[in-house]
Amino acid sequence: MLYEVTDTAKVEDLFEGWQETLIYSCLQSVMGSIFVTDPEDPKSAMAYVGCFAFYAGKPDRELVKNKPDGFVIMVPQDQAWEVCIEECFPMAKKVERYAIKKDTQFDTDLLQNIVTGLPDGYRLKAIDEKIYDMCLEDPVMRDFVSSFESKDRFLEIGRGMVILKNDKIVAGASSYTRYREGIEIEVDTVESERRKGLATIVCAALILRCLEEGLYPSWDAQNMNSVHLAEKLGYEFDHAYTAYEVSGEDRTH
């Protein structure tokens, strides 16, 4: 049986040294949840937010098998957890993701110059109540806001920018998640508008907004294209890591 942790101090040591802002969101009780199988003296834990589950401590099959509903990206702390996930979900897709350093010193002049490259016919806008609703209605843009429990919560702690063309969202960068010190960036562009530099522009705008508010805009890359985009904005690659994509239909072994 899984138990949700209310006192996250009990599991802080299990995640020690793991520089992942989605874990910070859970440990800081900003958003997301942490689950254990032993609520009194946990030796293992799963931090879950958005569609990501991070497994720490001693590998625990019960934690893995009782995954959250739907599609989940499982991130193991070490090789022992990798084995546990593969045993529980033999159909899981093993992927490589790319961590980006968390101490970037941004060149704001560079970012401002990028923003000024917005082509004619396009406009930048912060995600407000109206744009929030537009994001939820669009499967491409839904992840900009969907990790937050409500519109009010997003407008309170979330941050996001979009590019509009003919009053339709064609690109955006937003807080996939929020932790006390900053956000984790989610970025996407509609397929017909790609390779026009819009993702670079909207990310630069969001980063500048975060810096003005004293927030750190953290970046984690799904693929090398995302790494290259991050590097254009001043980020530095850190390391590759293993994750597992598990669909809602996968069954345990």
C-alpha atoms as a PDB file:
ATOM      1  CA  MET A   1       0.000   0.000   0.000  1.00  0.00           C
ATOM      2  CA  LEU A   2       1.202   3.491  -0.831  1.00  0.00           C
ATOM      3  CA  TYR A   3       1.012   6.432   1.563  1.00  0.00           C
ATOM      4  CA  GLU A   4       1.303  10.105   0.652  1.00  0.00           C
ATOM      5  CA  VAL A   5       3.933  11.903   2.721  1.00  0.00           C
ATOM      6  CA  THR A   6       2.780  14.986   4.608  1.00  0.00           C
ATOM      7  CA  ASP A   7       6.091  15.654   6.382  1.00  0.00           C
ATOM      8  CA  THR A   8       8.598  15.730   3.518  1.00  0.00           C
ATOM      9  CA  ALA A   9      11.501  16.069   5.952  1.00  0.00           C
ATOM     10  CA  LYS A  10      11.168  12.306   6.433  1.00  0.00           C
ATOM     11  CA  VAL A  11      12.302  11.643   2.853  1.00  0.00           C
ATOM     12  CA  GLU A  12      14.686  14.529   2.141  1.00  0.00           C
ATOM     13  CA  ASP A  13      17.752  12.355   2.711  1.00  0.00           C
ATOM     14  CA  LEU A  14      16.564   9.820   0.135  1.00  0.00           C
ATOM     15  CA  PHE A  15      16.700  12.481  -2.596  1.00  0.00           C
ATOM     16  CA  GLU A  16      19.864  14.198  -1.331  1.00  0.00           C
ATOM     17  CA  GLY A  17      22.132  15.422  -4.122  1.00  0.00           C
ATOM     18  CA  TRP A  18      19.558  14.895  -6.865  1.00  0.00           C
ATOM     19  CA  GLN A  19      19.451  18.232  -8.694  1.00  0.00           C
ATOM     20  CA  GLU A  20      16.002  18.056 -10.203  1.00  0.00           C
ATOM     21  CA  THR A  21      13.575  20.923  -9.736  1.00  0.00           C
ATOM     22  CA  LEU A  22      10.518  18.674 -10.074  1.00  0.00           C
ATOM     23  CA  ILE A  23      11.721  16.875  -6.954  1.00  0.00           C
ATOM     24  CA  TYR A  24      12.178  20.254  -5.254  1.00  0.00           C
ATOM     25  CA  SER A  25       8.537  21.061  -6.092  1.00  0.00           C
ATOM     26  CA  CYS A  26       7.435  17.950  -4.203  1.00  0.00           C
ATOM     27  CA  LEU A  27       9.830  18.295  -1.256  1.00  0.00           C
ATOM     28  CA  GLN A  28       8.839  21.946  -0.825  1.00  0.00           C
ATOM     29  CA  SER A  29       5.125  21.039  -1.030  1.00  0.00           C
ATOM     30  CA  VAL A  30       4.640  23.600  -3.798  1.00  0.00           C
ATOM     31  CA  MET A  31       3.046  21.030  -6.103  1.00  0.00           C
ATOM     32  CA  GLY A  32       3.134  17.307  -6.698  1.00  0.00           C
ATOM     33  CA  SER A  33       3.217  14.521  -4.108  1.00  0.00           C
ATOM     34  CA  ILE A  34       5.641  12.065  -2.506  1.00  0.00           C
ATOM     35  CA  PHE A  35       4.610   8.468  -1.853  1.00  0.00           C
ATOM     36  CA  VAL A  36       6.160   5.759   0.344  1.00  0.00           C
ATOM     37  CA  THR A  37       5.293   2.237   1.456  1.00  0.00           C
ATOM     38  CA  ASP A  38       6.448   2.782   5.049  1.00  0.00           C
ATOM     39  CA  PRO A  39       5.067   6.074   6.396  1.00  0.00           C
ATOM     40  CA  GLU A  40       6.877   5.799   9.736  1.00  0.00           C
ATOM     41  CA  ASP A  41      10.415   4.996   8.583  1.00  0.00           C
ATOM     42  CA  PRO A  42      10.556   5.292   4.776  1.00  0.00           C
ATOM     43  CA  LYS A  43      13.509   3.661   3.035  1.00  0.00           C
ATOM     44  CA  SER A  44      12.137   4.352  -0.462  1.00  0.00           C
ATOM     45  CA  ALA A  45      10.108   7.138  -2.037  1.00  0.00           C
ATOM     46  CA  MET A  46       8.474   8.248  -5.253  1.00  0.00           C
ATOM     47  CA  ALA A  47       8.186  11.971  -6.017  1.00  0.00           C
ATOM     48  CA  TYR A  48       5.414  12.525  -8.566  1.00  0.00           C
ATOM     49  CA  VAL A  49       4.463  15.717 -10.404  1.00  0.00           C
ATOM     50  CA  GLY A  50       3.110  16.330 -13.887  1.00  0.00           C
ATOM     51  CA  CYS A  51       3.749  13.007 -15.609  1.00  0.00           C
ATOM     52  CA  PHE A  52       7.153  12.396 -13.963  1.00  0.00           C
ATOM     53  CA  ALA A  53       7.881   9.920 -11.166  1.00  0.00           C
ATOM     54  CA  PHE A  54      11.291   9.949  -9.476  1.00  0.00           C
ATOM     55  CA  TYR A  55      12.316   6.880  -7.474  1.00  0.00           C
ATOM     56  CA  ALA A  56      14.824   7.168  -4.641  1.00  0.00           C
ATOM     57  CA  GLY A  57      16.219   5.085  -1.800  1.00  0.00           C
ATOM     58  CA  LYS A  58      16.044   1.303  -1.700  1.00  0.00           C
ATOM     59  CA  PRO A  59      14.306  -0.168  -4.764  1.00  0.00           C
ATOM     60  CA  ASP A  60      10.709  -1.038  -3.916  1.00  0.00           C
ATOM     61  CA  ARG A  61       8.582  -3.015  -6.391  1.00  0.00           C
ATOM     62  CA  GLU A  62       5.368  -1.931  -4.719  1.00  0.00           C
ATOM     63  CA  LEU A  63       6.187   1.732  -5.330  1.00  0.00           C
ATOM     64  CA  VAL A  64       6.877   1.034  -9.002  1.00  0.00           C
ATOM     65  CA  LYS A  65       3.983  -1.340  -9.677  1.00  0.00           C
ATOM     66  CA  ASN A  66       1.436   1.039  -8.138  1.00  0.00           C
ATOM     67  CA  LYS A  67       2.313   3.838 -10.516  1.00  0.00           C
ATOM     68  CA  PRO A  68       0.024   6.834 -11.013  1.00  0.00           C
ATOM     69  CA  ASP A  69      -2.678   6.394 -13.647  1.00  0.00           C
ATOM     70  CA  GLY A  70      -1.970   7.175 -17.271  1.00  0.00           C
ATOM     71  CA  PHE A  71       1.309   7.857 -19.044  1.00  0.00           C
ATOM     72  CA  VAL A  72       4.272   8.196 -16.667  1.00  0.00           C
ATOM     73  CA  ILE A  73       7.943   9.000 -17.215  1.00  0.00           C
ATOM     74  CA  MET A  74       9.796   7.024 -14.535  1.00  0.00           C
ATOM     75  CA  VAL A  75      13.222   8.310 -13.522  1.00  0.00           C
ATOM     76  CA  PRO A  76      15.386   5.903 -11.484  1.00  0.00           C
ATOM     77  CA  GLN A  77      17.928   7.158  -8.979  1.00  0.00           C
ATOM     78  CA  ASP A  78      20.398   4.407  -9.861  1.00  0.00           C
ATOM     79  CA  GLN A  79      20.881   1.152 -11.749  1.00  0.00           C
ATOM     80  CA  ALA A  80      19.155  -0.913  -9.069  1.00  0.00           C
ATOM     81  CA  TRP A  81      15.981   1.118  -9.646  1.00  0.00           C
ATOM     82  CA  GLU A  82      16.409   0.623 -13.404  1.00  0.00           C
ATOM     83  CA  VAL A  83      16.322  -3.141 -12.869  1.00  0.00           C
ATOM     84  CA  CYS A  84      13.258  -2.820 -10.657  1.00  0.00           C
ATOM     85  CA  ILE A  85      11.370  -0.754 -13.255  1.00  0.00           C
ATOM     86  CA  GLU A  86      12.309  -3.126 -16.076  1.00  0.00           C
ATOM     87  CA  GLU A  87      11.114  -6.126 -14.050  1.00  0.00           C
ATOM     88  CA  CYS A  88       7.809  -4.466 -13.185  1.00  0.00           C
ATOM     89  CA  PHE A  89       7.197  -2.956 -16.627  1.00  0.00           C
ATOM     90  CA  PRO A  90       9.016  -5.039 -19.265  1.00  0.00           C
ATOM     91  CA  MET A  91       7.186  -3.122 -22.016  1.00  0.00           C
ATOM     92  CA  ALA A  92       8.426   0.262 -20.786  1.00  0.00           C
ATOM     93  CA  LYS A  93      10.351   2.327 -23.327  1.00  0.00           C
ATOM     94  CA  LYS A  94      13.876   3.059 -22.079  1.00  0.00           C
ATOM     95  CA  VAL A  95      14.975   6.539 -23.164  1.00  0.00           C
ATOM     96  CA  GLU A  96      17.860   8.921 -22.634  1.00  0.00           C
ATOM     97  CA  ARG A  97      17.158  12.430 -21.388  1.00  0.00           C
ATOM     98  CA  TYR A  98      19.587  15.286 -20.858  1.00  0.00           C
ATOM     99  CA  ALA A  99      20.132  17.324 -17.711  1.00  0.00           C
ATOM    100  CA  ILE A 100      21.137  20.972 -18.072  1.00  0.00           C
ATOM    101  CA  LYS A 101      23.265  22.789 -15.490  1.00  0.00           C
ATOM    102  CA  LYS A 102      21.281  24.704 -12.868  1.00  0.00           C
ATOM    103  CA  ASP A 103      23.646  27.643 -12.357  1.00  0.00           C
ATOM    104  CA  THR A 104      23.414  29.486 -15.680  1.00  0.00           C
ATOM    105  CA  GLN A 105      24.468  33.131 -15.679  1.00  0.00           C
ATOM    106  CA  PHE A 106      22.337  34.585 -18.460  1.00  0.00           C
ATOM    107  CA  ASP A 107      23.372  37.291 -20.916  1.00  0.00           C
ATOM    108  CA  THR A 108      20.298  39.505 -20.761  1.00  0.00           C
ATOM    109  CA  ASP A 109      21.451  41.627 -23.719  1.00  0.00           C
ATOM    110  CA  LEU A 110      21.606  38.472 -25.838  1.00  0.00           C
ATOM    111  CA  LEU A 111      18.142  37.430 -24.699  1.00  0.00           C
ATOM    112  CA  GLN A 112      16.673  40.862 -25.403  1.00  0.00           C
ATOM    113  CA  ASN A 113      18.184  40.834 -28.888  1.00  0.00           C
ATOM    114  CA  ILE A 114      16.609  37.432 -29.511  1.00  0.00           C
ATOM    115  CA  VAL A 115      13.189  38.755 -28.477  1.00  0.00           C
ATOM    116  CA  THR A 116      13.468  41.706 -30.875  1.00  0.00           C
ATOM    117  CA  GLY A 117      13.704  39.185 -33.724  1.00  0.00           C
ATOM    118  CA  LEU A 118       9.993  38.402 -33.478  1.00  0.00           C
ATOM    119  CA  PRO A 119       8.726  38.417 -37.090  1.00  0.00           C
ATOM    120  CA  ASP A 120       6.012  40.757 -38.309  1.00  0.00           C
ATOM    121  CA  GLY A 121       2.542  39.342 -37.882  1.00  0.00           C
ATOM    122  CA  TYR A 122       3.373  37.648 -34.592  1.00  0.00           C
ATOM    123  CA  ARG A 123       3.000  38.986 -31.052  1.00  0.00           C
ATOM    124  CA  LEU A 124       4.196  37.958 -27.614  1.00  0.00           C
ATOM    125  CA  LYS A 125       1.787  37.703 -24.716  1.00  0.00           C
ATOM    126  CA  ALA A 126       1.952  36.468 -21.139  1.00  0.00           C
ATOM    127  CA  ILE A 127      -0.359  33.594 -20.207  1.00  0.00           C
ATOM    128  CA  ASP A 128      -3.385  35.186 -18.550  1.00  0.00           C
ATOM    129  CA  GLU A 129      -6.884  33.830 -17.878  1.00  0.00           C
ATOM    130  CA  LYS A 130      -7.877  33.861 -21.555  1.00  0.00           C
ATOM    131  CA  ILE A 131      -4.614  32.330 -22.780  1.00  0.00           C
ATOM    132  CA  TYR A 132      -4.819  29.691 -20.029  1.00  0.00           C
ATOM    133  CA  ASP A 133      -8.172  28.533 -21.425  1.00  0.00           C
ATOM    134  CA  MET A 134      -6.777  28.516 -24.957  1.00  0.00           C
ATOM    135  CA  CYS A 135      -3.871  26.327 -23.807  1.00  0.00           C
ATOM    136  CA  LEU A 136      -6.195  23.758 -22.209  1.00  0.00           C
ATOM    137  CA  GLU A 137      -8.214  23.497 -25.411  1.00  0.00           C
ATOM    138  CA  ASP A 138      -5.113  22.759 -27.527  1.00  0.00           C
ATOM    139  CA  PRO A 139      -3.455  19.315 -27.134  1.00  0.00           C
ATOM    140  CA  VAL A 140      -0.111  20.789 -28.243  1.00  0.00           C
ATOM    141  CA  MET A 141      -0.206  23.585 -25.682  1.00  0.00           C
ATOM    142  CA  ARG A 142      -2.019  21.809 -22.846  1.00  0.00           C
ATOM    143  CA  ASP A 143       1.168  20.917 -20.939  1.00  0.00           C
ATOM    144  CA  PHE A 144       1.904  24.623 -20.479  1.00  0.00           C
ATOM    145  CA  VAL A 145      -0.701  24.732 -17.718  1.00  0.00           C
ATOM    146  CA  SER A 146      -2.032  21.212 -17.057  1.00  0.00           C
ATOM    147  CA  SER A 147       0.325  20.276 -14.197  1.00  0.00           C
ATOM    148  CA  PHE A 148      -1.277  22.912 -11.982  1.00  0.00           C
ATOM    149  CA  GLU A 149      -4.348  21.977  -9.963  1.00  0.00           C
ATOM    150  CA  SER A 150      -6.419  24.926 -11.169  1.00  0.00           C
ATOM    151  CA  LYS A 151      -6.423  28.106 -13.211  1.00  0.00           C
ATOM    152  CA  ASP A 152      -6.157  30.180 -10.032  1.00  0.00           C
ATOM    153  CA  ARG A 153      -3.113  28.214  -8.907  1.00  0.00           C
ATOM    154  CA  PHE A 154      -1.387  28.664 -12.253  1.00  0.00           C
ATOM    155  CA  LEU A 155      -2.095  32.394 -12.312  1.00  0.00           C
ATOM    156  CA  GLU A 156      -0.753  32.623  -8.751  1.00  0.00           C
ATOM    157  CA  ILE A 157       2.540  30.740  -9.098  1.00  0.00           C
ATOM    158  CA  GLY A 158       2.897  29.771 -12.771  1.00  0.00           C
ATOM    159  CA  ARG A 159       4.645  31.817 -15.441  1.00  0.00           C
ATOM    160  CA  GLY A 160       4.297  31.566 -19.194  1.00  0.00           C
ATOM    161  CA  MET A 161       4.640  33.364 -22.518  1.00  0.00           C
ATOM    162  CA  VAL A 162       3.089  32.558 -25.887  1.00  0.00           C
ATOM    163  CA  ILE A 163       3.432  33.796 -29.446  1.00  0.00           C
ATOM    164  CA  LEU A 164       0.167  34.527 -31.230  1.00  0.00           C
ATOM    165  CA  LYS A 165      -0.515  34.655 -34.965  1.00  0.00           C
ATOM    166  CA  ASN A 166      -3.998  35.650 -36.082  1.00  0.00           C
ATOM    167  CA  ASP A 167      -5.035  35.351 -32.416  1.00  0.00           C
ATOM    168  CA  LYS A 168      -4.021  31.683 -32.281  1.00  0.00           C
ATOM    169  CA  ILE A 169      -1.190  30.271 -30.174  1.00  0.00           C
ATOM    170  CA  VAL A 170       1.614  29.075 -32.439  1.00  0.00           C
ATOM    171  CA  ALA A 171       4.426  28.759 -29.868  1.00  0.00           C
ATOM    172  CA  GLY A 172       4.873  28.982 -26.147  1.00  0.00           C
ATOM    173  CA  ALA A 173       7.154  28.557 -23.166  1.00  0.00           C
ATOM    174  CA  SER A 174       5.748  28.061 -19.711  1.00  0.00           C
ATOM    175  CA  SER A 175       6.264  26.644 -16.254  1.00  0.00           C
ATOM    176  CA  TYR A 176       5.666  22.923 -16.512  1.00  0.00           C
ATOM    177  CA  THR A 177       6.170  23.003 -12.758  1.00  0.00           C
ATOM    178  CA  ARG A 178       7.029  25.554 -10.092  1.00  0.00           C
ATOM    179  CA  TYR A 179       9.308  25.336  -7.068  1.00  0.00           C
ATOM    180  CA  ARG A 180      10.064  28.092  -4.580  1.00  0.00           C
ATOM    181  CA  GLU A 181      13.115  29.435  -6.345  1.00  0.00           C
ATOM    182  CA  GLY A 182      11.965  29.121  -9.936  1.00  0.00           C
ATOM    183  CA  ILE A 183      10.224  27.164 -12.672  1.00  0.00           C
ATOM    184  CA  GLU A 184      10.879  24.187 -14.943  1.00  0.00           C
ATOM    185  CA  ILE A 185      10.410  25.262 -18.561  1.00  0.00           C
ATOM    186  CA  GLU A 186       8.087  23.531 -21.032  1.00  0.00           C
ATOM    187  CA  VAL A 187       8.353  24.705 -24.662  1.00  0.00           C
ATOM    188  CA  ASP A 188       6.567  23.783 -27.878  1.00  0.00           C
ATOM    189  CA  THR A 189       5.643  25.132 -31.307  1.00  0.00           C
ATOM    190  CA  VAL A 190       2.844  24.034 -33.608  1.00  0.00           C
ATOM    191  CA  GLU A 191       4.266  21.939 -36.413  1.00  0.00           C
ATOM    192  CA  SER A 192       3.419  24.359 -39.218  1.00  0.00           C
ATOM    193  CA  GLU A 193       5.372  27.168 -37.497  1.00  0.00           C
ATOM    194  CA  ARG A 194       8.557  25.307 -36.650  1.00  0.00           C
ATOM    195  CA  ARG A 195      12.053  26.248 -37.863  1.00  0.00           C
ATOM    196  CA  LYS A 196      11.230  29.959 -37.717  1.00  0.00           C
ATOM    197  CA  GLY A 197      13.036  30.664 -34.439  1.00  0.00           C
ATOM    198  CA  LEU A 198       9.799  31.114 -32.505  1.00  0.00           C
ATOM    199  CA  ALA A 199      10.754  28.685 -29.729  1.00  0.00           C
ATOM    200  CA  THR A 200      14.012  30.548 -29.152  1.00  0.00           C
ATOM    201  CA  ILE A 201      12.204  33.886 -29.028  1.00  0.00           C
ATOM    202  CA  VAL A 202       9.430  32.818 -26.649  1.00  0.00           C
ATOM    203  CA  CYS A 203      11.919  31.069 -24.335  1.00  0.00           C
ATOM    204  CA  ALA A 204      14.099  34.176 -24.223  1.00  0.00           C
ATOM    205  CA  ALA A 205      11.033  36.221 -23.280  1.00  0.00           C
ATOM    206  CA  LEU A 206      10.116  33.809 -20.487  1.00  0.00           C
ATOM    207  CA  ILE A 207      13.667  33.675 -19.139  1.00  0.00           C
ATOM    208  CA  LEU A 208      13.809  37.494 -19.015  1.00  0.00           C
ATOM    209  CA  ARG A 209      10.495  37.583 -17.178  1.00  0.00           C
ATOM    210  CA  CYS A 210      11.771  35.057 -14.640  1.00  0.00           C
ATOM    211  CA  LEU A 211      14.999  36.964 -14.081  1.00  0.00           C
ATOM    212  CA  GLU A 212      13.052  40.174 -13.473  1.00  0.00           C
ATOM    213  CA  GLU A 213      11.141  38.372 -10.723  1.00  0.00           C
ATOM    214  CA  GLY A 214      14.179  36.690  -9.197  1.00  0.00           C
ATOM    215  CA  LEU A 215      13.121  33.225 -10.374  1.00  0.00           C
ATOM    216  CA  TYR A 216      15.447  30.640 -11.908  1.00  0.00           C
ATOM    217  CA  PRO A 217      14.253  29.224 -15.270  1.00  0.00           C
ATOM    218  CA  SER A 218      15.411  25.598 -15.080  1.00  0.00           C
ATOM    219  CA  TRP A 219      15.711  23.476 -18.225  1.00  0.00           C
ATOM    220  CA  ASP A 220      15.681  19.706 -18.767  1.00  0.00           C
ATOM    221  CA  ALA A 221      15.934  18.302 -22.288  1.00  0.00           C
ATOM    222  CA  GLN A 222      13.969  15.441 -23.801  1.00  0.00           C
ATOM    223  CA  ASN A 223      16.269  15.252 -26.843  1.00  0.00           C
ATOM    224  CA  MET A 224      19.347  16.816 -28.418  1.00  0.00           C
ATOM    225  CA  ASN A 225      17.262  19.403 -30.282  1.00  0.00           C
ATOM    226  CA  SER A 226      16.144  20.666 -26.884  1.00  0.00           C
ATOM    227  CA  VAL A 227      19.774  20.691 -25.705  1.00  0.00           C
ATOM    228  CA  HIS A 228      20.811  22.791 -28.721  1.00  0.00           C
ATOM    229  CA  LEU A 229      17.943  25.226 -28.122  1.00  0.00           C
ATOM    230  CA  ALA A 230      18.996  25.572 -24.497  1.00  0.00           C
ATOM    231  CA  GLU A 231      22.586  26.278 -25.531  1.00  0.00           C
ATOM    232  CA  LYS A 232      21.411  29.100 -27.840  1.00  0.00           C
ATOM    233  CA  LEU A 233      19.887  30.723 -24.764  1.00  0.00           C
ATOM    234  CA  GLY A 234      23.042  30.414 -22.654  1.00  0.00           C
ATOM    235  CA  TYR A 235      22.501  27.115 -20.836  1.00  0.00           C
ATOM    236  CA  GLU A 236      25.201  24.429 -20.538  1.00  0.00           C
ATOM    237  CA  PHE A 237      24.757  20.692 -20.925  1.00  0.00           C
ATOM    238  CA  ASP A 238      25.393  18.671 -17.756  1.00  0.00           C
ATOM    239  CA  HIS A 239      24.803  14.935 -18.278  1.00  0.00           C
ATOM    240  CA  ALA A 240      22.580  12.303 -19.875  1.00  0.00           C
ATOM    241  CA  TYR A 241      20.341  10.120 -17.710  1.00  0.00           C
ATOM    242  CA  THR A 242      18.015   7.159 -18.103  1.00  0.00           C
ATOM    243  CA  ALA A 243      14.235   7.320 -17.926  1.00  0.00           C
ATOM    244  CA  TYR A 244      11.368   4.968 -18.764  1.00  0.00           C
ATOM    245  CA  GLU A 245       8.197   5.900 -20.574  1.00  0.00           C
ATOM    246  CA  VAL A 246       5.297   3.785 -19.332  1.00  0.00           C
ATOM    247  CA  SER A 247       1.903   4.041 -20.961  1.00  0.00           C
ATOM    248  CA  GLY A 248      -1.385   3.797 -19.125  1.00  0.00           C
ATOM    249  CA  GLU A 249      -2.007   0.393 -20.733  1.00  0.00           C
ATOM    250  CA  ASP A 250       1.257  -1.272 -19.690  1.00  0.00           C
ATOM    251  CA  ARG A 251       0.836  -4.146 -17.252  1.00  0.00           C
ATOM    252  CA  THR A 252       3.256  -5.283 -14.597  1.00  0.00           C
ATOM    253  CA  HIS A 253       5.250  -8.474 -15.089  1.00  0.00           C
END
